[in-house]
Amino acid sequence: MSATSGVAEDGQSAGNTTTKTSTKLRIVVVGGGPGGLAVAIGAARCGHEVVVLEKLRHPRERGTVNRDKSYPVDITARGMRVLEQFGTLSEDGAMRRRLLPFYGHAMPWGTKRPLRSGPGLIGTRDDCVLGLLEHIEETQAKGTSKVWGDGDGSVDVRHEVSVEGVNLADKSVTFECPGKGLVTEVFDLICACDGKWSPARTAAAEQDPNLVV
């Protein structure tokens, strides 16, 4: 989606650097999956205030093995470089605790095809989500003003929040919170990382004919 309309598509807002920017933005990331959490971490490292809205319960509560979210994810090459850049690959860090080392593929005829880029990580989609969430929690628990590298950003992940729609005119998001009902908040940038049939993208496309979803 067009960033000029205040909406960015999966991963586009984080870019491939974590350079601190001169203007601190309040950013909402709709969708707390691997892509959404990666965007949140990258934006926080650039010094921005990030709110992540996720409709599911925390994977620590619902488990990381379920019918819809248990497909395998292997992280190699460029993915490992991004995690390294984001500071998530320390030997005792959450990502390595939650995922297993991945050395390559075993072929049907018995040979092995090792990764030329070096060992990666493998686990379920929610193993990856839980690792990123715990990285965020552990980083912010340090309690210093520079927990996100050189940036003074922050990440607020809100679970069991259902996004009802967005308003591009005032860059607001309306969502339903447990015990609070419908809430509307205004942001500087809206990042739609909630996958197929995204309510955020659908609502934005209805308001801007130039958006291609």
Protein backbone atom coordinates (compact mmCIF):
# COMPACT_ATOMS: atom_id res chain seq x y z
CA MET A 1 0.00 0.00 0.00
CA SER A 2 0.99 3.59 -0.42
CA ALA A 3 2.99 5.03 2.46
CA THR A 4 1.79 8.47 1.38
CA SER A 5 -1.67 7.48 2.53
CA GLY A 6 -0.37 6.64 5.98
CA VAL A 7 -0.46 2.89 5.39
CA ALA A 8 2.52 0.64 4.70
CA GLU A 9 2.42 -3.01 3.66
CA ASP A 10 4.25 -5.92 5.35
CA GLY A 11 7.83 -5.04 6.17
CA GLN A 12 8.04 -1.87 4.11
CA SER A 13 8.22 0.54 7.03
CA ALA A 14 11.23 -1.09 8.68
CA GLY A 15 13.49 -1.10 5.65
CA ASN A 16 16.86 -2.84 5.89
CA THR A 17 18.57 -0.49 8.33
CA THR A 18 18.07 0.54 11.93
CA THR A 19 19.31 4.11 11.64
CA LYS A 20 17.77 6.45 14.20
CA THR A 21 15.58 9.12 12.58
CA SER A 22 15.28 12.75 13.64
CA THR A 23 11.47 12.62 13.86
CA LYS A 24 9.88 10.25 16.35
CA LEU A 25 6.71 8.69 14.96
CA ARG A 26 3.83 6.93 16.65
CA ILE A 27 3.34 3.82 14.53
CA VAL A 28 0.65 1.16 14.69
CA VAL A 29 1.37 -2.33 13.34
CA VAL A 30 -1.80 -4.30 12.62
CA GLY A 31 -0.88 -7.97 13.06
CA GLY A 32 1.52 -9.48 15.58
CA GLY A 33 2.95 -12.30 13.46
CA PRO A 34 6.63 -12.67 12.51
CA GLY A 35 6.42 -9.89 9.92
CA GLY A 36 4.57 -7.46 12.17
CA LEU A 37 6.91 -8.02 15.12
CA ALA A 38 9.97 -7.61 12.88
CA VAL A 39 8.57 -4.28 11.64
CA ALA A 40 7.94 -3.24 15.26
CA ILE A 41 11.47 -4.10 16.40
CA GLY A 42 13.04 -2.35 13.41
CA ALA A 43 10.95 0.78 13.96
CA ALA A 44 11.72 0.84 17.70
CA ARG A 45 15.44 0.61 16.93
CA CYS A 46 14.98 3.69 14.74
CA GLY A 47 13.58 5.55 17.74
CA HIS A 48 9.84 5.27 17.09
CA GLU A 49 6.95 4.51 19.45
CA VAL A 50 5.23 1.37 18.18
CA VAL A 51 1.89 -0.20 19.08
CA VAL A 52 1.21 -3.74 17.80
CA LEU A 53 -2.42 -4.91 17.61
CA GLU A 54 -2.88 -8.70 17.52
CA LYS A 55 -6.25 -10.48 17.53
CA LEU A 56 -4.99 -13.76 19.04
CA ARG A 57 -3.99 -14.48 22.62
CA HIS A 58 -0.30 -14.45 23.57
CA PRO A 59 1.29 -17.71 22.31
CA ARG A 60 2.60 -18.33 25.82
CA GLU A 61 -1.06 -18.77 26.84
CA ARG A 62 -2.49 -20.53 23.79
CA GLY A 63 0.59 -22.62 22.97
CA THR A 64 2.75 -22.70 19.85
CA VAL A 65 1.20 -25.82 18.32
CA ASN A 66 -2.29 -25.37 16.87
CA ARG A 67 -4.08 -26.21 13.66
CA ASP A 68 -3.87 -22.80 12.01
CA LYS A 69 -0.48 -21.51 13.14
CA SER A 70 1.80 -24.56 13.30
CA TYR A 71 3.29 -24.54 9.83
CA PRO A 72 7.11 -24.80 9.86
CA VAL A 73 9.29 -21.75 9.37
CA ASP A 74 12.98 -21.92 8.54
CA ILE A 75 15.10 -18.80 8.77
CA THR A 76 18.27 -18.70 6.67
CA ALA A 77 20.59 -16.32 4.83
CA ARG A 78 18.89 -12.89 4.59
CA GLY A 79 16.48 -13.70 7.42
CA MET A 80 19.39 -14.49 9.74
CA ARG A 81 21.13 -11.27 8.72
CA VAL A 82 18.01 -9.25 9.59
CA LEU A 83 17.71 -10.97 13.00
CA GLU A 84 21.38 -10.29 13.63
CA GLN A 85 20.92 -6.64 12.70
CA PHE A 86 17.95 -6.41 15.06
CA GLY A 87 20.03 -7.84 17.91
CA THR A 88 17.90 -10.97 18.30
CA LEU A 89 20.52 -13.68 17.77
CA SER A 90 22.54 -13.68 20.98
CA GLU A 91 23.53 -17.19 22.07
CA ASP A 92 21.31 -17.02 25.17
CA GLY A 93 18.55 -15.01 23.48
CA ALA A 94 14.88 -15.88 23.09
CA MET A 95 15.04 -16.74 19.38
CA ARG A 96 17.68 -19.42 19.93
CA ARG A 97 15.78 -20.72 22.96
CA ARG A 98 12.52 -21.06 21.06
CA LEU A 99 13.77 -22.36 17.71
CA LEU A 100 16.13 -25.18 16.75
CA PRO A 101 19.34 -24.97 14.69
CA PHE A 102 18.74 -25.60 10.99
CA TYR A 103 21.67 -27.02 9.02
CA GLY A 104 20.08 -27.82 5.66
CA HIS A 105 17.81 -30.23 3.81
CA ALA A 106 17.94 -34.01 3.66
CA MET A 107 17.10 -35.07 0.10
CA PRO A 108 14.76 -38.01 -0.65
CA TRP A 109 17.62 -40.03 -2.12
CA GLY A 110 19.60 -39.85 1.11
CA THR A 111 22.09 -37.05 0.50
CA LYS A 112 22.16 -33.84 2.50
CA ARG A 113 22.21 -30.31 1.13
CA PRO A 114 23.85 -28.04 3.73
CA LEU A 115 23.19 -24.33 3.84
CA ARG A 116 25.97 -22.37 2.16
CA SER A 117 25.08 -19.34 4.27
CA GLY A 118 25.69 -21.20 7.55
CA PRO A 119 23.25 -22.60 10.13
CA GLY A 120 19.81 -21.05 10.37
CA LEU A 121 16.84 -21.56 12.68
CA ILE A 122 13.70 -23.68 12.33
CA GLY A 123 10.45 -24.08 14.28
CA THR A 124 6.74 -23.41 13.99
CA ARG A 125 5.39 -20.04 13.01
CA ASP A 126 4.38 -19.42 16.64
CA ASP A 127 7.77 -20.52 17.96
CA CYS A 128 9.12 -17.61 15.91
CA VAL A 129 6.40 -15.28 17.22
CA LEU A 130 7.07 -16.27 20.84
CA GLY A 131 10.81 -15.79 20.38
CA LEU A 132 10.31 -12.28 19.00
CA LEU A 133 7.81 -11.40 21.75
CA GLU A 134 10.19 -12.57 24.46
CA HIS A 135 13.01 -10.63 22.83
CA ILE A 136 10.86 -7.49 23.02
CA GLU A 137 9.91 -8.20 26.65
CA GLU A 138 13.48 -8.94 27.73
CA THR A 139 14.89 -5.93 25.89
CA GLN A 140 12.43 -3.51 27.47
CA ALA A 141 12.84 -5.09 30.91
CA LYS A 142 16.39 -3.73 30.98
CA GLY A 143 14.85 -0.44 32.11
CA THR A 144 17.37 1.89 30.45
CA SER A 145 16.61 4.77 28.12
CA LYS A 146 18.54 3.17 25.26
CA VAL A 147 17.23 -0.40 25.32
CA TRP A 148 16.74 -0.41 21.52
CA GLY A 149 20.35 0.18 20.48
CA ASP A 150 20.92 3.85 19.75
CA GLY A 151 17.19 4.56 19.55
CA ASP A 152 14.81 5.52 22.37
CA GLY A 153 11.82 3.80 20.81
CA SER A 154 9.33 1.44 22.44
CA VAL A 155 7.06 -1.50 21.53
CA ASP A 156 3.63 -2.02 23.10
CA VAL A 157 2.11 -5.35 22.01
CA ARG A 158 -1.62 -5.66 22.68
CA HIS A 159 -3.21 -9.10 22.34
CA GLU A 160 -6.84 -10.10 21.82
CA VAL A 161 -7.48 -6.84 19.96
CA SER A 162 -9.69 -6.95 16.88
CA VAL A 163 -9.14 -4.16 14.35
CA GLU A 164 -12.41 -2.93 12.86
CA GLY A 165 -11.04 -0.43 10.36
CA VAL A 166 -8.82 2.53 9.54
CA ASN A 167 -9.48 6.13 8.55
CA LEU A 168 -6.87 7.50 6.16
CA ALA A 169 -8.06 11.08 6.53
CA ASP A 170 -6.91 11.35 10.14
CA LYS A 171 -4.70 8.21 10.23
CA SER A 172 -6.79 6.62 12.95
CA VAL A 173 -7.43 2.96 13.74
CA THR A 174 -10.58 1.66 15.40
CA PHE A 175 -10.25 -1.58 17.34
CA GLU A 176 -12.05 -3.57 20.01
CA CYS A 177 -10.25 -4.08 23.32
CA PRO A 178 -11.26 -6.63 25.97
CA GLY A 179 -13.27 -4.85 28.65
CA LYS A 180 -13.13 -1.48 26.85
CA GLY A 181 -15.20 -1.96 23.73
CA LEU A 182 -14.40 0.03 20.60
CA VAL A 183 -11.42 2.37 20.85
CA THR A 184 -10.05 4.80 18.25
CA GLU A 185 -6.45 6.02 18.34
CA VAL A 186 -4.52 8.29 15.97
CA PHE A 187 -1.07 7.39 14.61
CA ASP A 188 1.51 8.87 12.27
CA LEU A 189 1.86 5.66 10.25
CA ILE A 190 -0.29 2.55 9.85
CA CYS A 191 1.47 -0.70 8.89
CA ALA A 192 -0.84 -3.50 7.71
CA CYS A 193 0.87 -6.78 8.57
CA ASP A 194 -2.23 -8.85 9.23
CA GLY A 195 -2.03 -11.08 6.17
CA LYS A 196 -4.71 -12.23 3.76
CA TRP A 197 -8.16 -10.62 4.05
CA SER A 198 -6.61 -7.81 6.08
CA PRO A 199 -9.32 -5.52 7.50
CA ALA A 200 -6.83 -2.65 7.60
CA ARG A 201 -5.93 -2.97 3.92
CA THR A 202 -9.52 -3.53 2.87
CA ALA A 203 -10.74 -0.44 4.72
CA ALA A 204 -7.87 1.66 3.35
CA ALA A 205 -8.47 0.50 -0.24
CA GLU A 206 -12.13 1.52 0.03
CA GLN A 207 -11.04 5.08 0.88
CA ASP A 208 -8.16 5.50 -1.61
CA PRO A 209 -8.71 4.26 -5.20
CA ASN A 210 -4.95 4.47 -5.85
CA LEU A 211 -4.18 1.77 -3.30
CA VAL A 212 -3.62 -1.70 -4.73
CA VAL A 213 -4.22 -4.48 -2.18
